[in-house]
Amino acid sequence: MRTFIDTNVFLYAAGGAHPQREGCARVLRRVAEGTLEATVNSEVIQEILYVLSRRGKRTDALALASHVSSLFPDLLPITRSDIQKACELLRLYPELAVRDAIHAATMMQNGIHQLISVDADFDQIRGIRRIDPSAA
């Protein structure tokens, strides 16, 4: 079963000391080894670039974006129907963050029902199962 990997997994794995770092790094090792069938969408790459650049780490942002792009050569695109589904999710779940809605919509539109993320906000979305990286 294909699993979606949320942006925070990459950021924690590549970041400094943090309780989530090892679990996130382990998830990415499994993807690289081929023991975890996973994917991301183009918004994950954009989010990596945005977050790290905003923190003054543009060089790190470019390196991580390049690494993630090569780890997932078949990035899921964000389509018009994904945006429409994201808008529907934002109406259904008023507390849901916009980027989370985009990820969830892309997952749903591509038949993906689970993701690995530290973000418990995904738990509210019916039809999506979130797995914490420490348990993946």
Protein backbone atom coordinates (compact mmCIF):
# COMPACT_ATOMS: atom_id res chain seq x y z
CA MET A 1 0.00 0.00 0.00
CA ARG A 2 1.40 3.36 -1.02
CA THR A 3 1.92 5.86 1.78
CA PHE A 4 2.15 9.63 1.54
CA ILE A 5 5.06 11.25 3.39
CA ASP A 6 4.30 14.64 4.93
CA THR A 7 6.76 17.52 4.72
CA ASN A 8 7.54 17.48 8.43
CA VAL A 9 9.13 14.05 8.11
CA PHE A 10 11.80 15.47 5.80
CA LEU A 11 12.30 18.59 7.90
CA TYR A 12 12.76 16.65 11.15
CA ALA A 13 15.01 14.05 9.55
CA ALA A 14 17.27 16.74 8.08
CA GLY A 15 17.11 19.08 11.06
CA GLY A 16 18.94 19.32 14.34
CA ALA A 17 18.43 17.31 17.50
CA HIS A 18 14.74 16.64 18.12
CA PRO A 19 12.73 13.74 19.58
CA GLN A 20 11.16 13.13 16.13
CA ARG A 21 14.43 13.12 14.20
CA GLU A 22 15.35 9.43 14.42
CA GLY A 23 11.85 8.14 13.63
CA CYS A 24 11.64 10.42 10.60
CA ALA A 25 15.12 9.42 9.41
CA ARG A 26 14.17 5.75 9.79
CA VAL A 27 11.09 6.28 7.58
CA LEU A 28 13.21 7.85 4.87
CA ARG A 29 15.79 5.07 5.07
CA ARG A 30 12.98 2.57 4.48
CA VAL A 31 11.85 4.53 1.42
CA ALA A 32 15.41 4.63 0.06
CA GLU A 33 15.84 0.88 0.70
CA GLY A 34 12.55 0.13 -1.07
CA THR A 35 10.88 -1.43 1.98
CA LEU A 36 8.29 1.35 2.20
CA GLU A 37 6.27 2.23 -0.90
CA ALA A 38 5.77 5.96 -0.58
CA THR A 39 5.13 9.12 -2.50
CA VAL A 40 4.86 12.88 -2.14
CA ASN A 41 3.31 15.67 -4.17
CA SER A 42 4.95 18.73 -5.65
CA GLU A 43 3.61 20.81 -2.73
CA VAL A 44 5.92 18.91 -0.35
CA ILE A 45 8.92 20.14 -2.35
CA GLN A 46 7.53 23.68 -2.41
CA GLU A 47 6.96 23.56 1.34
CA ILE A 48 10.52 22.36 2.01
CA LEU A 49 11.87 25.22 -0.09
CA TYR A 50 9.60 27.76 1.60
CA VAL A 51 10.16 26.71 5.22
CA LEU A 52 13.93 26.38 5.06
CA SER A 53 14.40 29.52 2.94
CA ARG A 54 12.25 31.48 5.38
CA ARG A 55 14.56 30.27 8.16
CA GLY A 56 17.57 31.66 6.24
CA LYS A 57 18.71 28.21 5.09
CA ARG A 58 18.33 28.53 1.33
CA THR A 59 21.32 26.29 0.57
CA ASP A 60 19.89 23.58 2.82
CA ALA A 61 16.48 24.08 1.21
CA LEU A 62 17.87 23.55 -2.28
CA ALA A 63 19.86 20.48 -1.23
CA LEU A 64 16.92 18.84 0.55
CA ALA A 65 14.50 19.65 -2.29
CA SER A 66 16.91 18.10 -4.77
CA HIS A 67 17.32 15.00 -2.59
CA VAL A 68 13.56 14.55 -2.14
CA SER A 69 12.97 15.04 -5.87
CA SER A 70 15.43 12.24 -6.65
CA LEU A 71 14.04 9.97 -3.93
CA PHE A 72 10.54 10.39 -5.44
CA PRO A 73 11.01 10.73 -9.22
CA ASP A 74 7.25 10.40 -9.81
CA LEU A 75 6.02 13.34 -7.74
CA LEU A 76 2.26 13.62 -7.69
CA PRO A 77 1.18 16.86 -9.36
CA ILE A 78 -1.34 19.24 -7.82
CA THR A 79 -4.25 19.27 -10.24
CA ARG A 80 -7.37 21.36 -10.59
CA SER A 81 -9.43 18.53 -9.10
CA ASP A 82 -7.00 18.38 -6.15
CA ILE A 83 -7.60 22.08 -5.49
CA GLN A 84 -11.36 21.60 -5.70
CA LYS A 85 -11.15 18.66 -3.28
CA ALA A 86 -8.92 20.71 -0.95
CA CYS A 87 -11.53 23.48 -0.89
CA GLU A 88 -14.17 20.90 0.00
CA LEU A 89 -11.98 19.61 2.83
CA LEU A 90 -11.39 23.14 4.12
CA ARG A 91 -15.16 23.65 4.28
CA LEU A 92 -15.67 20.32 6.08
CA TYR A 93 -12.76 20.79 8.50
CA PRO A 94 -12.52 24.51 9.42
CA GLU A 95 -9.41 23.97 11.59
CA LEU A 96 -7.48 22.18 8.83
CA ALA A 97 -4.43 24.03 7.51
CA VAL A 98 -4.43 24.83 3.80
CA ARG A 99 -1.29 22.83 2.99
CA ASP A 100 -2.64 19.84 4.90
CA ALA A 101 -5.84 20.10 2.84
CA ILE A 102 -3.78 20.09 -0.37
CA HIS A 103 -1.88 16.99 0.75
CA ALA A 104 -5.06 15.21 1.86
CA ALA A 105 -6.84 16.07 -1.39
CA THR A 106 -3.94 14.81 -3.49
CA MET A 107 -3.93 11.61 -1.48
CA MET A 108 -7.66 11.06 -1.88
CA GLN A 109 -7.61 11.84 -5.59
CA ASN A 110 -4.84 9.24 -6.05
CA GLY A 111 -6.34 6.49 -3.89
CA ILE A 112 -3.84 6.90 -1.04
CA HIS A 113 -5.37 6.42 2.39
CA GLN A 114 -2.45 6.63 4.79
CA LEU A 115 0.32 9.06 5.49
CA ILE A 116 3.29 9.32 7.78
CA SER A 117 3.31 12.60 9.65
CA VAL A 118 3.87 14.07 13.10
CA ASP A 119 0.91 16.38 12.42
CA ALA A 120 -2.11 15.09 14.34
CA ASP A 121 -4.39 17.51 12.44
CA PHE A 122 -4.69 14.81 9.77
CA ASP A 123 -6.45 12.60 12.33
CA GLN A 124 -9.68 14.55 11.85
CA ILE A 125 -9.98 13.70 8.15
CA ARG A 126 -12.26 10.78 7.50
CA GLY A 127 -10.70 8.28 5.12
CA ILE A 128 -7.10 9.10 6.00
CA ARG A 129 -5.02 7.16 8.48
CA ARG A 130 -2.06 8.97 9.97
CA ILE A 131 0.94 7.01 11.21
CA ASP A 132 3.41 8.72 13.53
CA PRO A 133 6.98 8.32 12.25
CA SER A 134 8.02 6.70 15.53
CA ALA A 135 5.52 3.90 14.84
CA ALA A 136 6.18 3.53 11.11
